[in-house]
Amino acid sequence: MNNLLAQAEQAAPGGLSGIFGNPIFMMVIIAVLFWVMLIRPQRKAQKEQQNRISSLEKGDKVVTNAGIHGRIEKIDEKTVMLKIAEGVIIEVEKNVIVHVEK
């Protein structure tokens, strides 16, 4: 029986077992899976964050990554002035804003 298997493998080199047994092919498959499952979603999230930051306007209600809720009073190049209570205005970086309500 083992002799028959050895003869069959010699008679048909390559095939699917040859392709899937190739370490280079497996590395390519792993790299593609890594890109699809990790890198692509991260880039999509970064693009959404950039869109969120670029669409900020005075008067928008926002939430920061620290959980601070406020209304935008002033927008600078890299920072935003948030009114978090009556008479209380804080300055935060634009990139800490995670949620925007128009």
C-alpha atoms as a PDB file:
ATOM      1  CA  MET A   1       0.000   0.000   0.000  1.00  0.00           C
ATOM      2  CA  ASN A   2       2.793   2.429   0.881  1.00  0.00           C
ATOM      3  CA  ASN A   3       4.474   1.474  -2.343  1.00  0.00           C
ATOM      4  CA  LEU A   4       1.347   2.451  -4.311  1.00  0.00           C
ATOM      5  CA  LEU A   5       1.182   5.866  -2.600  1.00  0.00           C
ATOM      6  CA  ALA A   6       4.833   6.524  -3.330  1.00  0.00           C
ATOM      7  CA  GLN A   7       4.314   5.614  -6.987  1.00  0.00           C
ATOM      8  CA  ALA A   8       1.232   7.867  -7.219  1.00  0.00           C
ATOM      9  CA  GLU A   9       3.152  10.820  -5.767  1.00  0.00           C
ATOM     10  CA  GLN A  10       6.012  10.268  -8.194  1.00  0.00           C
ATOM     11  CA  ALA A  11       3.658   9.917 -11.159  1.00  0.00           C
ATOM     12  CA  ALA A  12       1.822  13.188 -10.489  1.00  0.00           C
ATOM     13  CA  PRO A  13       4.271  15.754  -9.113  1.00  0.00           C
ATOM     14  CA  GLY A  14       2.833  19.177  -8.342  1.00  0.00           C
ATOM     15  CA  GLY A  15      -0.931  19.355  -8.279  1.00  0.00           C
ATOM     16  CA  LEU A  16      -2.772  20.881  -5.359  1.00  0.00           C
ATOM     17  CA  SER A  17      -0.638  19.192  -2.736  1.00  0.00           C
ATOM     18  CA  GLY A  18       2.445  20.615  -4.418  1.00  0.00           C
ATOM     19  CA  ILE A  19       1.047  24.158  -4.498  1.00  0.00           C
ATOM     20  CA  PHE A  20      -0.318  24.159  -0.936  1.00  0.00           C
ATOM     21  CA  GLY A  21       2.787  22.434   0.358  1.00  0.00           C
ATOM     22  CA  ASN A  22       5.006  25.196  -0.992  1.00  0.00           C
ATOM     23  CA  PRO A  23       6.177  27.442   1.880  1.00  0.00           C
ATOM     24  CA  ILE A  24       6.341  30.519  -0.361  1.00  0.00           C
ATOM     25  CA  PHE A  25       2.702  30.076  -1.380  1.00  0.00           C
ATOM     26  CA  MET A  26       1.677  29.730   2.267  1.00  0.00           C
ATOM     27  CA  MET A  27       3.579  32.926   3.162  1.00  0.00           C
ATOM     28  CA  VAL A  28       1.738  34.793   0.405  1.00  0.00           C
ATOM     29  CA  ILE A  29      -1.608  33.503   1.690  1.00  0.00           C
ATOM     30  CA  ILE A  30      -0.729  34.590   5.249  1.00  0.00           C
ATOM     31  CA  ALA A  31       0.341  38.042   4.022  1.00  0.00           C
ATOM     32  CA  VAL A  32      -2.919  38.497   2.109  1.00  0.00           C
ATOM     33  CA  LEU A  33      -4.989  37.413   5.124  1.00  0.00           C
ATOM     34  CA  PHE A  34      -2.988  39.753   7.368  1.00  0.00           C
ATOM     35  CA  TRP A  35      -3.684  42.676   5.029  1.00  0.00           C
ATOM     36  CA  VAL A  36      -7.396  41.892   4.677  1.00  0.00           C
ATOM     37  CA  MET A  37      -8.017  41.343   8.388  1.00  0.00           C
ATOM     38  CA  LEU A  38      -5.742  43.960  10.001  1.00  0.00           C
ATOM     39  CA  ILE A  39      -4.308  46.633   7.732  1.00  0.00           C
ATOM     40  CA  ARG A  40      -7.344  47.343   5.540  1.00  0.00           C
ATOM     41  CA  PRO A  41      -9.803  47.968   8.434  1.00  0.00           C
ATOM     42  CA  GLN A  42      -7.247  50.159  10.190  1.00  0.00           C
ATOM     43  CA  ARG A  43      -6.789  52.320   7.090  1.00  0.00           C
ATOM     44  CA  LYS A  44     -10.558  52.600   6.736  1.00  0.00           C
ATOM     45  CA  ALA A  45     -10.878  53.763  10.349  1.00  0.00           C
ATOM     46  CA  GLN A  46      -8.096  56.328   9.830  1.00  0.00           C
ATOM     47  CA  LYS A  47      -9.850  57.672   6.740  1.00  0.00           C
ATOM     48  CA  GLU A  48     -13.133  57.978   8.659  1.00  0.00           C
ATOM     49  CA  GLN A  49     -11.337  59.838  11.469  1.00  0.00           C
ATOM     50  CA  GLN A  50      -9.766  62.255   8.967  1.00  0.00           C
ATOM     51  CA  ASN A  51     -13.175  62.902   7.395  1.00  0.00           C
ATOM     52  CA  ARG A  52     -14.681  63.472  10.828  1.00  0.00           C
ATOM     53  CA  ILE A  53     -11.964  65.991  11.744  1.00  0.00           C
ATOM     54  CA  SER A  54     -12.124  67.842   8.436  1.00  0.00           C
ATOM     55  CA  SER A  55     -15.901  68.254   8.661  1.00  0.00           C
ATOM     56  CA  LEU A  56     -15.911  69.893  12.111  1.00  0.00           C
ATOM     57  CA  GLU A  57     -17.892  73.122  12.363  1.00  0.00           C
ATOM     58  CA  LYS A  58     -18.630  75.626  15.099  1.00  0.00           C
ATOM     59  CA  GLY A  59     -21.658  74.506  17.106  1.00  0.00           C
ATOM     60  CA  ASP A  60     -21.182  70.753  16.557  1.00  0.00           C
ATOM     61  CA  LYS A  61     -21.669  68.535  19.590  1.00  0.00           C
ATOM     62  CA  VAL A  62     -18.650  66.257  20.010  1.00  0.00           C
ATOM     63  CA  VAL A  63     -17.323  63.544  22.303  1.00  0.00           C
ATOM     64  CA  THR A  64     -13.603  63.112  22.939  1.00  0.00           C
ATOM     65  CA  ASN A  65     -11.768  59.833  23.475  1.00  0.00           C
ATOM     66  CA  ALA A  66     -11.709  60.689  27.200  1.00  0.00           C
ATOM     67  CA  GLY A  67     -15.507  60.829  27.235  1.00  0.00           C
ATOM     68  CA  ILE A  68     -15.790  64.609  27.489  1.00  0.00           C
ATOM     69  CA  HIS A  69     -18.950  65.954  25.854  1.00  0.00           C
ATOM     70  CA  GLY A  70     -18.960  69.493  24.564  1.00  0.00           C
ATOM     71  CA  ARG A  71     -19.940  71.955  21.863  1.00  0.00           C
ATOM     72  CA  ILE A  72     -17.349  73.451  19.504  1.00  0.00           C
ATOM     73  CA  GLU A  73     -16.815  77.164  20.115  1.00  0.00           C
ATOM     74  CA  LYS A  74     -13.716  77.788  17.969  1.00  0.00           C
ATOM     75  CA  ILE A  75     -11.645  75.744  15.516  1.00  0.00           C
ATOM     76  CA  ASP A  76      -7.927  76.317  14.990  1.00  0.00           C
ATOM     77  CA  GLU A  77      -5.497  74.491  12.717  1.00  0.00           C
ATOM     78  CA  LYS A  78      -4.732  71.665  15.166  1.00  0.00           C
ATOM     79  CA  THR A  79      -6.971  72.358  18.153  1.00  0.00           C
ATOM     80  CA  VAL A  80     -10.621  72.920  19.027  1.00  0.00           C
ATOM     81  CA  MET A  81     -12.119  75.000  21.828  1.00  0.00           C
ATOM     82  CA  LEU A  82     -14.930  73.027  23.509  1.00  0.00           C
ATOM     83  CA  LYS A  83     -17.582  74.469  25.760  1.00  0.00           C
ATOM     84  CA  ILE A  84     -18.252  71.722  28.280  1.00  0.00           C
ATOM     85  CA  ALA A  85     -20.343  73.734  30.768  1.00  0.00           C
ATOM     86  CA  GLU A  86     -21.599  77.273  31.189  1.00  0.00           C
ATOM     87  CA  GLY A  87     -18.474  79.427  31.394  1.00  0.00           C
ATOM     88  CA  VAL A  88     -16.084  76.464  31.006  1.00  0.00           C
ATOM     89  CA  ILE A  89     -14.153  76.222  27.728  1.00  0.00           C
ATOM     90  CA  ILE A  90     -11.275  73.798  27.199  1.00  0.00           C
ATOM     91  CA  GLU A  91      -8.825  73.404  24.342  1.00  0.00           C
ATOM     92  CA  VAL A  92      -8.262  69.910  22.933  1.00  0.00           C
ATOM     93  CA  GLU A  93      -6.454  68.447  19.945  1.00  0.00           C
ATOM     94  CA  LYS A  94      -8.650  67.704  16.942  1.00  0.00           C
ATOM     95  CA  ASN A  95      -7.538  64.083  16.786  1.00  0.00           C
ATOM     96  CA  VAL A  96      -9.103  63.263  20.200  1.00  0.00           C
ATOM     97  CA  ILE A  97     -12.618  63.790  18.820  1.00  0.00           C
ATOM     98  CA  VAL A  98     -14.217  60.400  18.237  1.00  0.00           C
ATOM     99  CA  HIS A  99     -17.889  61.256  17.718  1.00  0.00           C
ATOM    100  CA  VAL A 100     -19.576  64.246  16.065  1.00  0.00           C
ATOM    101  CA  GLU A 101     -23.251  65.199  16.194  1.00  0.00           C
ATOM    102  CA  LYS A 102     -24.328  67.895  13.737  1.00  0.00           C
END
